[in-house]
Amino acid sequence: MINFRMLVDVLRHSGFGPITCVFAIAFLICSAAVWLADPETLTFGDGAWFSFEVVSTIGFGDVNATGPVARVAAVVLSVLSIFYIALLTGVVVSYCTTALKARQEGTLANFAANLERLDEMTPDELAAFSARVREYRRTR
């Protein structure tokens, strides 16, 4: 649950929600443009499939953009998708960095709290704490 809250915070602070909405609208507009302007696409689904091929760079070739409007839509969508994927990568890296910092701070805070109450620990708790310290020193 903590990781989900952290992900929501990262998404909120990065402004990725509105960027995703803009990208989805551009995707739908380009799909409609391909469908309406290119005689080879029979349905909106064909236009959406072509747009998906452009975004994912799969390019099966089963739906082609032969008209100038469809080709312009493909170029616009491919440029937007490059930026969108780059931003998505940045958000994922930001989330991972935030998660690692939180884990590290949690560990340090826990360590400091245990140090403050050493005289109150039972022998079993002291042994467990000592084992964690040895494990930490081994991984460093």
C-alpha atoms as a PDB file:
ATOM      1  CA  MET A   1       0.000   0.000   0.000  1.00  0.00           C
ATOM      2  CA  ILE A   2       2.895   2.353   0.755  1.00  0.00           C
ATOM      3  CA  ASN A   3       4.379   1.741  -2.703  1.00  0.00           C
ATOM      4  CA  PHE A   4       1.034   2.547  -4.340  1.00  0.00           C
ATOM      5  CA  ARG A   5       0.793   5.838  -2.431  1.00  0.00           C
ATOM      6  CA  MET A   6       4.352   6.636  -3.419  1.00  0.00           C
ATOM      7  CA  LEU A   7       3.562   5.899  -7.081  1.00  0.00           C
ATOM      8  CA  VAL A   8       0.513   8.172  -6.935  1.00  0.00           C
ATOM      9  CA  ASP A   9       2.631  10.937  -5.396  1.00  0.00           C
ATOM     10  CA  VAL A  10       5.293  10.574  -8.091  1.00  0.00           C
ATOM     11  CA  LEU A  11       2.652  10.655 -10.833  1.00  0.00           C
ATOM     12  CA  ARG A  12       0.959  13.686  -9.276  1.00  0.00           C
ATOM     13  CA  HIS A  13       4.190  15.649  -8.835  1.00  0.00           C
ATOM     14  CA  SER A  14       5.494  14.777 -12.285  1.00  0.00           C
ATOM     15  CA  GLY A  15       2.326  15.976 -14.043  1.00  0.00           C
ATOM     16  CA  PHE A  16       2.121  12.707 -15.952  1.00  0.00           C
ATOM     17  CA  GLY A  17      -1.692  12.411 -15.751  1.00  0.00           C
ATOM     18  CA  PRO A  18      -2.414  15.430 -17.983  1.00  0.00           C
ATOM     19  CA  ILE A  19       0.394  14.387 -20.324  1.00  0.00           C
ATOM     20  CA  THR A  20      -1.228  10.965 -20.682  1.00  0.00           C
ATOM     21  CA  CYS A  21      -4.595  12.593 -21.429  1.00  0.00           C
ATOM     22  CA  VAL A  22      -3.028  14.787 -24.127  1.00  0.00           C
ATOM     23  CA  PHE A  23      -1.297  11.765 -25.631  1.00  0.00           C
ATOM     24  CA  ALA A  24      -4.533   9.720 -25.602  1.00  0.00           C
ATOM     25  CA  ILE A  25      -6.430  12.567 -27.292  1.00  0.00           C
ATOM     26  CA  ALA A  26      -3.692  12.920 -29.917  1.00  0.00           C
ATOM     27  CA  PHE A  27      -3.819   9.156 -30.477  1.00  0.00           C
ATOM     28  CA  LEU A  28      -7.601   9.243 -31.011  1.00  0.00           C
ATOM     29  CA  ILE A  29      -7.404  12.284 -33.305  1.00  0.00           C
ATOM     30  CA  CYS A  30      -4.678  10.677 -35.406  1.00  0.00           C
ATOM     31  CA  SER A  31      -6.650   7.426 -35.551  1.00  0.00           C
ATOM     32  CA  ALA A  32      -9.722   9.311 -36.751  1.00  0.00           C
ATOM     33  CA  ALA A  33      -7.634  11.271 -39.277  1.00  0.00           C
ATOM     34  CA  VAL A  34      -6.208   8.070 -40.734  1.00  0.00           C
ATOM     35  CA  TRP A  35      -9.663   6.510 -40.850  1.00  0.00           C
ATOM     36  CA  LEU A  36     -11.371   9.498 -42.481  1.00  0.00           C
ATOM     37  CA  ALA A  37      -8.607  10.637 -44.829  1.00  0.00           C
ATOM     38  CA  ASP A  38      -7.205   7.367 -46.112  1.00  0.00           C
ATOM     39  CA  PRO A  39      -9.378   5.266 -48.410  1.00  0.00           C
ATOM     40  CA  GLU A  40      -7.552   2.042 -47.550  1.00  0.00           C
ATOM     41  CA  THR A  41      -8.627   2.073 -43.895  1.00  0.00           C
ATOM     42  CA  LEU A  42     -12.111   0.641 -43.633  1.00  0.00           C
ATOM     43  CA  THR A  43     -13.000   1.332 -39.996  1.00  0.00           C
ATOM     44  CA  PHE A  44     -11.976   3.458 -37.059  1.00  0.00           C
ATOM     45  CA  GLY A  45     -10.469   0.277 -35.635  1.00  0.00           C
ATOM     46  CA  ASP A  46      -8.149   0.084 -38.655  1.00  0.00           C
ATOM     47  CA  GLY A  47      -7.085   3.676 -37.997  1.00  0.00           C
ATOM     48  CA  ALA A  48      -6.504   2.904 -34.322  1.00  0.00           C
ATOM     49  CA  TRP A  49      -4.544  -0.224 -35.247  1.00  0.00           C
ATOM     50  CA  PHE A  50      -2.371   1.802 -37.619  1.00  0.00           C
ATOM     51  CA  SER A  51      -1.813   4.395 -34.872  1.00  0.00           C
ATOM     52  CA  PHE A  52      -0.868   1.643 -32.433  1.00  0.00           C
ATOM     53  CA  GLU A  53       1.632   0.279 -34.965  1.00  0.00           C
ATOM     54  CA  VAL A  54       3.141   3.753 -35.269  1.00  0.00           C
ATOM     55  CA  VAL A  55       3.354   4.326 -31.493  1.00  0.00           C
ATOM     56  CA  SER A  56       4.794   0.907 -30.729  1.00  0.00           C
ATOM     57  CA  THR A  57       7.047   0.957 -33.839  1.00  0.00           C
ATOM     58  CA  ILE A  58       5.830  -2.527 -34.720  1.00  0.00           C
ATOM     59  CA  GLY A  59       4.801  -1.624 -38.266  1.00  0.00           C
ATOM     60  CA  PHE A  60       3.235  -4.895 -39.407  1.00  0.00           C
ATOM     61  CA  GLY A  61       2.259  -3.263 -42.684  1.00  0.00           C
ATOM     62  CA  ASP A  62      -1.257  -4.706 -42.810  1.00  0.00           C
ATOM     63  CA  VAL A  63      -2.691  -1.168 -42.680  1.00  0.00           C
ATOM     64  CA  ASN A  64      -0.796   1.408 -44.741  1.00  0.00           C
ATOM     65  CA  ALA A  65      -0.944   5.187 -44.791  1.00  0.00           C
ATOM     66  CA  THR A  66      -1.208   6.120 -48.442  1.00  0.00           C
ATOM     67  CA  GLY A  67      -2.849   9.532 -48.207  1.00  0.00           C
ATOM     68  CA  PRO A  68      -0.987  12.705 -47.233  1.00  0.00           C
ATOM     69  CA  VAL A  69      -3.202  13.378 -44.193  1.00  0.00           C
ATOM     70  CA  ALA A  70      -2.624   9.865 -42.868  1.00  0.00           C
ATOM     71  CA  ARG A  71       1.117  10.211 -43.365  1.00  0.00           C
ATOM     72  CA  VAL A  72       1.177  13.539 -41.527  1.00  0.00           C
ATOM     73  CA  ALA A  73      -0.850  11.959 -38.721  1.00  0.00           C
ATOM     74  CA  ALA A  74       1.692   9.119 -38.565  1.00  0.00           C
ATOM     75  CA  VAL A  75       4.599  11.553 -38.320  1.00  0.00           C
ATOM     76  CA  VAL A  76       2.904  13.634 -35.612  1.00  0.00           C
ATOM     77  CA  LEU A  77       1.983  10.543 -33.637  1.00  0.00           C
ATOM     78  CA  SER A  78       5.459   9.037 -33.908  1.00  0.00           C
ATOM     79  CA  VAL A  79       7.108  12.243 -32.635  1.00  0.00           C
ATOM     80  CA  LEU A  80       4.613  12.535 -29.762  1.00  0.00           C
ATOM     81  CA  SER A  81       5.105   8.890 -28.843  1.00  0.00           C
ATOM     82  CA  ILE A  82       8.887   9.343 -28.632  1.00  0.00           C
ATOM     83  CA  PHE A  83       8.416  12.162 -26.117  1.00  0.00           C
ATOM     84  CA  TYR A  84       5.733  10.239 -24.233  1.00  0.00           C
ATOM     85  CA  ILE A  85       7.898   7.122 -23.872  1.00  0.00           C
ATOM     86  CA  ALA A  86      10.824   9.289 -22.700  1.00  0.00           C
ATOM     87  CA  LEU A  87       8.618  10.933 -20.068  1.00  0.00           C
ATOM     88  CA  LEU A  88       7.261   7.547 -18.987  1.00  0.00           C
ATOM     89  CA  THR A  89      10.826   6.316 -18.527  1.00  0.00           C
ATOM     90  CA  GLY A  90      11.627   9.380 -16.420  1.00  0.00           C
ATOM     91  CA  VAL A  91       8.586   8.801 -14.212  1.00  0.00           C
ATOM     92  CA  VAL A  92       9.547   5.152 -13.663  1.00  0.00           C
ATOM     93  CA  VAL A  93      13.109   6.138 -12.745  1.00  0.00           C
ATOM     94  CA  SER A  94      11.783   8.817 -10.398  1.00  0.00           C
ATOM     95  CA  TYR A  95       9.507   6.271  -8.720  1.00  0.00           C
ATOM     96  CA  CYS A  96      12.353   3.789  -8.281  1.00  0.00           C
ATOM     97  CA  THR A  97      14.624   6.487  -6.852  1.00  0.00           C
ATOM     98  CA  THR A  98      11.931   7.606  -4.428  1.00  0.00           C
ATOM     99  CA  ALA A  99      11.269   4.005  -3.369  1.00  0.00           C
ATOM    100  CA  LEU A 100      14.960   3.363  -2.762  1.00  0.00           C
ATOM    101  CA  LYS A 101      15.303   6.559  -0.717  1.00  0.00           C
ATOM    102  CA  ALA A 102      12.258   5.643   1.358  1.00  0.00           C
ATOM    103  CA  ARG A 103      13.612   2.160   1.992  1.00  0.00           C
ATOM    104  CA  GLN A 104      17.011   3.556   2.918  1.00  0.00           C
ATOM    105  CA  GLU A 105      15.546   6.183   5.260  1.00  0.00           C
ATOM    106  CA  GLY A 106      13.298   3.577   6.832  1.00  0.00           C
ATOM    107  CA  THR A 107      16.284   1.367   7.496  1.00  0.00           C
ATOM    108  CA  LEU A 108      18.348   4.194   8.959  1.00  0.00           C
ATOM    109  CA  ALA A 109      15.446   5.403  11.081  1.00  0.00           C
ATOM    110  CA  ASN A 110      14.846   1.872  12.362  1.00  0.00           C
ATOM    111  CA  PHE A 111      18.543   1.473  13.117  1.00  0.00           C
ATOM    112  CA  ALA A 112      18.642   4.771  15.034  1.00  0.00           C
ATOM    113  CA  ALA A 113      15.514   3.864  16.987  1.00  0.00           C
ATOM    114  CA  ASN A 114      17.043   0.523  17.966  1.00  0.00           C
ATOM    115  CA  LEU A 115      20.258   2.246  19.072  1.00  0.00           C
ATOM    116  CA  GLU A 116      18.276   4.559  21.336  1.00  0.00           C
ATOM    117  CA  ARG A 117      16.624   1.657  23.153  1.00  0.00           C
ATOM    118  CA  LEU A 118      19.580  -0.753  23.451  1.00  0.00           C
ATOM    119  CA  ASP A 119      19.335  -0.842  27.237  1.00  0.00           C
ATOM    120  CA  GLU A 120      15.645  -1.847  27.008  1.00  0.00           C
ATOM    121  CA  MET A 121      16.124  -4.730  24.543  1.00  0.00           C
ATOM    122  CA  THR A 122      15.774  -8.341  25.524  1.00  0.00           C
ATOM    123  CA  PRO A 123      18.679 -10.697  24.791  1.00  0.00           C
ATOM    124  CA  ASP A 124      16.777 -12.108  21.793  1.00  0.00           C
ATOM    125  CA  GLU A 125      16.138  -8.625  20.393  1.00  0.00           C
ATOM    126  CA  LEU A 126      19.803  -7.728  20.891  1.00  0.00           C
ATOM    127  CA  ALA A 127      20.884 -10.880  19.067  1.00  0.00           C
ATOM    128  CA  ALA A 128      18.536 -10.119  16.153  1.00  0.00           C
ATOM    129  CA  PHE A 129      19.718  -6.513  16.005  1.00  0.00           C
ATOM    130  CA  SER A 130      23.349  -7.620  16.083  1.00  0.00           C
ATOM    131  CA  ALA A 131      22.696 -10.085  13.254  1.00  0.00           C
ATOM    132  CA  ARG A 132      21.111  -7.317  11.144  1.00  0.00           C
ATOM    133  CA  VAL A 133      24.115  -5.053  11.756  1.00  0.00           C
ATOM    134  CA  ARG A 134      26.520  -7.841  10.729  1.00  0.00           C
ATOM    135  CA  GLU A 135      24.443  -8.510   7.599  1.00  0.00           C
ATOM    136  CA  TYR A 136      24.468  -4.809   6.757  1.00  0.00           C
ATOM    137  CA  ARG A 137      28.264  -4.644   7.145  1.00  0.00           C
ATOM    138  CA  ARG A 138      28.676  -7.700   4.879  1.00  0.00           C
ATOM    139  CA  THR A 139      26.592  -6.141   2.091  1.00  0.00           C
ATOM    140  CA  ARG A 140      28.554  -2.883   2.226  1.00  0.00           C
END
